[in-house]
Amino acid sequence: MILQFIKSWKHHAKQLKVEVYALYLAYRDPRVPWTARIFTACVVAYAFSPID
């Protein structure tokens, strides 16, 4: 049971890393409007914020 929980946790952490990297790439793309960049920065900041 605990091993399954650890595998699930690792899977979610890896998935989060991929999604944050995709957001980073979208943020750096010059074709993305500045409003979307601000929104992306807020989403990433909220994801890493210790306040829930």
PDB file of N, CA and C in Angstrom:
ATOM      1  N   MET A   1       0.827  -1.188   0.000  1.00  0.00           N
ATOM      2  CA  MET A   1       0.000   0.000   0.000  1.00  0.00           C
ATOM      3  C   MET A   1       0.874   1.255   0.000  1.00  0.00           C
ATOM      4  N   ILE A   2       1.867   1.294   0.850  1.00  0.00           N
ATOM      5  CA  ILE A   2       2.742   2.470   0.909  1.00  0.00           C
ATOM      6  C   ILE A   2       3.563   2.580  -0.372  1.00  0.00           C
ATOM      7  N   LEU A   3       4.001   1.445  -0.908  1.00  0.00           N
ATOM      8  CA  LEU A   3       4.779   1.460  -2.152  1.00  0.00           C
ATOM      9  C   LEU A   3       3.945   2.021  -3.302  1.00  0.00           C
ATOM     10  N   GLN A   4       2.683   1.665  -3.349  1.00  0.00           N
ATOM     11  CA  GLN A   4       1.794   2.179  -4.384  1.00  0.00           C
ATOM     12  C   GLN A   4       1.612   3.689  -4.224  1.00  0.00           C
ATOM     13  N   PHE A   5       1.504   4.149  -2.987  1.00  0.00           N
ATOM     14  CA  PHE A   5       1.374   5.582  -2.723  1.00  0.00           C
ATOM     15  C   PHE A   5       2.618   6.329  -3.190  1.00  0.00           C
ATOM     16  N   ILE A   6       3.789   5.781  -2.947  1.00  0.00           N
ATOM     17  CA  ILE A   6       5.047   6.419  -3.359  1.00  0.00           C
ATOM     18  C   ILE A   6       5.139   6.480  -4.878  1.00  0.00           C
ATOM     19  N   LYS A   7       4.746   5.393  -5.560  1.00  0.00           N
ATOM     20  CA  LYS A   7       4.765   5.394  -7.019  1.00  0.00           C
ATOM     21  C   LYS A   7       3.811   6.448  -7.574  1.00  0.00           C
ATOM     22  N   SER A   8       2.646   6.553  -6.968  1.00  0.00           N
ATOM     23  CA  SER A   8       1.674   7.542  -7.403  1.00  0.00           C
ATOM     24  C   SER A   8       2.215   8.948  -7.180  1.00  0.00           C
ATOM     25  N   TRP A   9       2.840   9.175  -6.049  1.00  0.00           N
ATOM     26  CA  TRP A   9       3.411  10.478  -5.723  1.00  0.00           C
ATOM     27  C   TRP A   9       4.506  10.857  -6.725  1.00  0.00           C
ATOM     28  N   LYS A  10       5.357   9.891  -7.067  1.00  0.00           N
ATOM     29  CA  LYS A  10       6.426  10.151  -8.034  1.00  0.00           C
ATOM     30  C   LYS A  10       5.854  10.461  -9.414  1.00  0.00           C
ATOM     31  N   HIS A  11       4.804   9.746  -9.779  1.00  0.00           N
ATOM     32  CA  HIS A  11       4.166   9.987 -11.071  1.00  0.00           C
ATOM     33  C   HIS A  11       3.602  11.410 -11.125  1.00  0.00           C
ATOM     34  N   HIS A  12       2.931  11.832 -10.084  1.00  0.00           N
ATOM     35  CA  HIS A  12       2.353  13.172 -10.052  1.00  0.00           C
ATOM     36  C   HIS A  12       3.444  14.248 -10.050  1.00  0.00           C
ATOM     37  N   ALA A  13       4.537  14.006  -9.358  1.00  0.00           N
ATOM     38  CA  ALA A  13       5.642  14.966  -9.340  1.00  0.00           C
ATOM     39  C   ALA A  13       6.263  15.095 -10.724  1.00  0.00           C
ATOM     40  N   LYS A  14       6.425  13.987 -11.414  1.00  0.00           N
ATOM     41  CA  LYS A  14       6.987  14.021 -12.765  1.00  0.00           C
ATOM     42  C   LYS A  14       6.038  14.737 -13.722  1.00  0.00           C
ATOM     43  N   GLN A  15       4.750  14.483 -13.579  1.00  0.00           N
ATOM     44  CA  GLN A  15       3.759  15.142 -14.425  1.00  0.00           C
ATOM     45  C   GLN A  15       3.741  16.652 -14.173  1.00  0.00           C
ATOM     46  N   LEU A  16       3.865  17.058 -12.926  1.00  0.00           N
ATOM     47  CA  LEU A  16       3.911  18.477 -12.593  1.00  0.00           C
ATOM     48  C   LEU A  16       5.137  19.145 -13.211  1.00  0.00           C
ATOM     49  N   LYS A  17       6.257  18.444 -13.185  1.00  0.00           N
ATOM     50  CA  LYS A  17       7.481  18.986 -13.773  1.00  0.00           C
ATOM     51  C   LYS A  17       7.302  19.219 -15.274  1.00  0.00           C
ATOM     52  N   VAL A  18       6.677  18.285 -15.956  1.00  0.00           N
ATOM     53  CA  VAL A  18       6.440  18.421 -17.401  1.00  0.00           C
ATOM     54  C   VAL A  18       5.504  19.596 -17.680  1.00  0.00           C
ATOM     55  N   GLU A  19       4.452  19.731 -16.880  1.00  0.00           N
ATOM     56  CA  GLU A  19       3.485  20.802 -17.105  1.00  0.00           C
ATOM     57  C   GLU A  19       4.083  22.180 -16.805  1.00  0.00           C
ATOM     58  N   VAL A  20       4.897  22.276 -15.771  1.00  0.00           N
ATOM     59  CA  VAL A  20       5.541  23.553 -15.456  1.00  0.00           C
ATOM     60  C   VAL A  20       6.527  23.931 -16.559  1.00  0.00           C
ATOM     61  N   TYR A  21       7.221  22.955 -17.111  1.00  0.00           N
ATOM     62  CA  TYR A  21       8.139  23.235 -18.212  1.00  0.00           C
ATOM     63  C   TYR A  21       7.375  23.704 -19.446  1.00  0.00           C
ATOM     64  N   ALA A  22       6.215  23.124 -19.705  1.00  0.00           N
ATOM     65  CA  ALA A  22       5.389  23.563 -20.834  1.00  0.00           C
ATOM     66  C   ALA A  22       4.930  25.006 -20.624  1.00  0.00           C
ATOM     67  N   LEU A  23       4.572  25.340 -19.396  1.00  0.00           N
ATOM     68  CA  LEU A  23       4.195  26.728 -19.101  1.00  0.00           C
ATOM     69  C   LEU A  23       5.373  27.670 -19.302  1.00  0.00           C
ATOM     70  N   TYR A  24       6.556  27.239 -18.910  1.00  0.00           N
ATOM     71  CA  TYR A  24       7.766  28.044 -19.102  1.00  0.00           C
ATOM     72  C   TYR A  24       8.007  28.306 -20.587  1.00  0.00           C
ATOM     73  N   LEU A  25       7.858  27.268 -21.402  1.00  0.00           N
ATOM     74  CA  LEU A  25       8.057  27.439 -22.846  1.00  0.00           C
ATOM     75  C   LEU A  25       7.016  28.387 -23.436  1.00  0.00           C
ATOM     76  N   ALA A  26       5.787  28.276 -22.975  1.00  0.00           N
ATOM     77  CA  ALA A  26       4.749  29.190 -23.454  1.00  0.00           C
ATOM     78  C   ALA A  26       5.056  30.620 -23.021  1.00  0.00           C
ATOM     79  N   TYR A  27       5.571  30.776 -21.823  1.00  0.00           N
ATOM     80  CA  TYR A  27       5.918  32.109 -21.320  1.00  0.00           C
ATOM     81  C   TYR A  27       7.031  32.744 -22.152  1.00  0.00           C
ATOM     82  N   ARG A  28       7.985  31.956 -22.581  1.00  0.00           N
ATOM     83  CA  ARG A  28       9.138  32.474 -23.322  1.00  0.00           C
ATOM     84  C   ARG A  28       8.856  32.697 -24.808  1.00  0.00           C
ATOM     85  N   ASP A  29       7.774  32.155 -25.329  1.00  0.00           N
ATOM     86  CA  ASP A  29       7.457  32.284 -26.748  1.00  0.00           C
ATOM     87  C   ASP A  29       7.037  33.723 -27.065  1.00  0.00           C
ATOM     88  N   PRO A  30       7.694  34.364 -28.020  1.00  0.00           N
ATOM     89  CA  PRO A  30       7.357  35.766 -28.320  1.00  0.00           C
ATOM     90  C   PRO A  30       5.972  35.943 -28.946  1.00  0.00           C
ATOM     91  N   ARG A  31       5.385  34.885 -29.442  1.00  0.00           N
ATOM     92  CA  ARG A  31       4.056  34.998 -30.048  1.00  0.00           C
ATOM     93  C   ARG A  31       2.931  35.051 -29.013  1.00  0.00           C
ATOM     94  N   VAL A  32       3.246  34.726 -27.765  1.00  0.00           N
ATOM     95  CA  VAL A  32       2.234  34.718 -26.706  1.00  0.00           C
ATOM     96  C   VAL A  32       1.979  36.153 -26.254  1.00  0.00           C
ATOM     97  N   PRO A  33       0.705  36.560 -26.170  1.00  0.00           N
ATOM     98  CA  PRO A  33       0.405  37.927 -25.718  1.00  0.00           C
ATOM     99  C   PRO A  33       0.810  38.150 -24.260  1.00  0.00           C
ATOM    100  N   TRP A  34       1.048  39.407 -23.920  1.00  0.00           N
ATOM    101  CA  TRP A  34       1.539  39.713 -22.565  1.00  0.00           C
ATOM    102  C   TRP A  34       0.518  39.346 -21.497  1.00  0.00           C
ATOM    103  N   THR A  35      -0.783  39.390 -21.810  1.00  0.00           N
ATOM    104  CA  THR A  35      -1.797  39.019 -20.807  1.00  0.00           C
ATOM    105  C   THR A  35      -1.692  37.540 -20.454  1.00  0.00           C
ATOM    106  N   ALA A  36      -1.429  36.708 -21.449  1.00  0.00           N
ATOM    107  CA  ALA A  36      -1.265  35.275 -21.198  1.00  0.00           C
ATOM    108  C   ALA A  36       0.019  35.010 -20.417  1.00  0.00           C
ATOM    109  N   ARG A  37       1.046  35.799 -20.666  1.00  0.00           N
ATOM    110  CA  ARG A  37       2.300  35.642 -19.917  1.00  0.00           C
ATOM    111  C   ARG A  37       2.107  35.973 -18.438  1.00  0.00           C
ATOM    112  N   ILE A  38       1.363  37.037 -18.169  1.00  0.00           N
ATOM    113  CA  ILE A  38       1.089  37.397 -16.770  1.00  0.00           C
ATOM    114  C   ILE A  38       0.294  36.293 -16.094  1.00  0.00           C
ATOM    115  N   PHE A  39      -0.723  35.776 -16.787  1.00  0.00           N
ATOM    116  CA  PHE A  39      -1.533  34.692 -16.232  1.00  0.00           C
ATOM    117  C   PHE A  39      -0.682  33.454 -15.961  1.00  0.00           C
ATOM    118  N   THR A  40       0.208  33.123 -16.901  1.00  0.00           N
ATOM    119  CA  THR A  40       1.097  31.972 -16.732  1.00  0.00           C
ATOM    120  C   THR A  40       2.006  32.158 -15.530  1.00  0.00           C
ATOM    121  N   ALA A  41       2.554  33.340 -15.361  1.00  0.00           N
ATOM    122  CA  ALA A  41       3.420  33.618 -14.212  1.00  0.00           C
ATOM    123  C   ALA A  41       2.640  33.467 -12.902  1.00  0.00           C
ATOM    124  N   CYS A  42       1.396  33.904 -12.884  1.00  0.00           N
ATOM    125  CA  CYS A  42       0.561  33.759 -11.676  1.00  0.00           C
ATOM    126  C   CYS A  42       0.269  32.296 -11.373  1.00  0.00           C
ATOM    127  N   VAL A  43       0.002  31.504 -12.404  1.00  0.00           N
ATOM    128  CA  VAL A  43      -0.278  30.083 -12.206  1.00  0.00           C
ATOM    129  C   VAL A  43       0.946  29.364 -11.642  1.00  0.00           C
ATOM    130  N   VAL A  44       2.108  29.644 -12.188  1.00  0.00           N
ATOM    131  CA  VAL A  44       3.336  29.003 -11.703  1.00  0.00           C
ATOM    132  C   VAL A  44       3.636  29.452 -10.274  1.00  0.00           C
ATOM    133  N   ALA A  45       3.442  30.731  -9.987  1.00  0.00           N
ATOM    134  CA  ALA A  45       3.671  31.228  -8.626  1.00  0.00           C
ATOM    135  C   ALA A  45       2.713  30.571  -7.642  1.00  0.00           C
ATOM    136  N   TYR A  46       1.461  30.388  -8.040  1.00  0.00           N
ATOM    137  CA  TYR A  46       0.489  29.730  -7.162  1.00  0.00           C
ATOM    138  C   TYR A  46       0.843  28.261  -6.951  1.00  0.00           C
ATOM    139  N   ALA A  47       1.334  27.600  -7.991  1.00  0.00           N
ATOM    140  CA  ALA A  47       1.692  26.185  -7.889  1.00  0.00           C
ATOM    141  C   ALA A  47       2.826  25.977  -6.880  1.00  0.00           C
ATOM    142  N   PHE A  48       3.753  26.921  -6.822  1.00  0.00           N
ATOM    143  CA  PHE A  48       4.883  26.773  -5.914  1.00  0.00           C
ATOM    144  C   PHE A  48       4.714  27.525  -4.588  1.00  0.00           C
ATOM    145  N   SER A  49       3.576  28.154  -4.418  1.00  0.00           N
ATOM    146  CA  SER A  49       3.326  28.903  -3.198  1.00  0.00           C
ATOM    147  C   SER A  49       3.043  27.969  -2.027  1.00  0.00           C
ATOM    148  N   PRO A  50       3.638  28.230  -0.869  1.00  0.00           N
ATOM    149  CA  PRO A  50       3.355  27.381   0.299  1.00  0.00           C
ATOM    150  C   PRO A  50       1.979  27.670   0.911  1.00  0.00           C
ATOM    151  N   ILE A  51       1.375  28.781   0.515  1.00  0.00           N
ATOM    152  CA  ILE A  51       0.061  29.153   1.039  1.00  0.00           C
ATOM    153  C   ILE A  51      -1.004  28.484   0.191  1.00  0.00           C
ATOM    154  N   ASP A  52      -1.919  27.793   0.840  1.00  0.00           N
ATOM    155  CA  ASP A  52      -2.958  27.092   0.092  1.00  0.00           C
ATOM    156  C   ASP A  52      -4.261  27.817   0.166  1.00  0.00           C
TER     157      ASP A  52
END
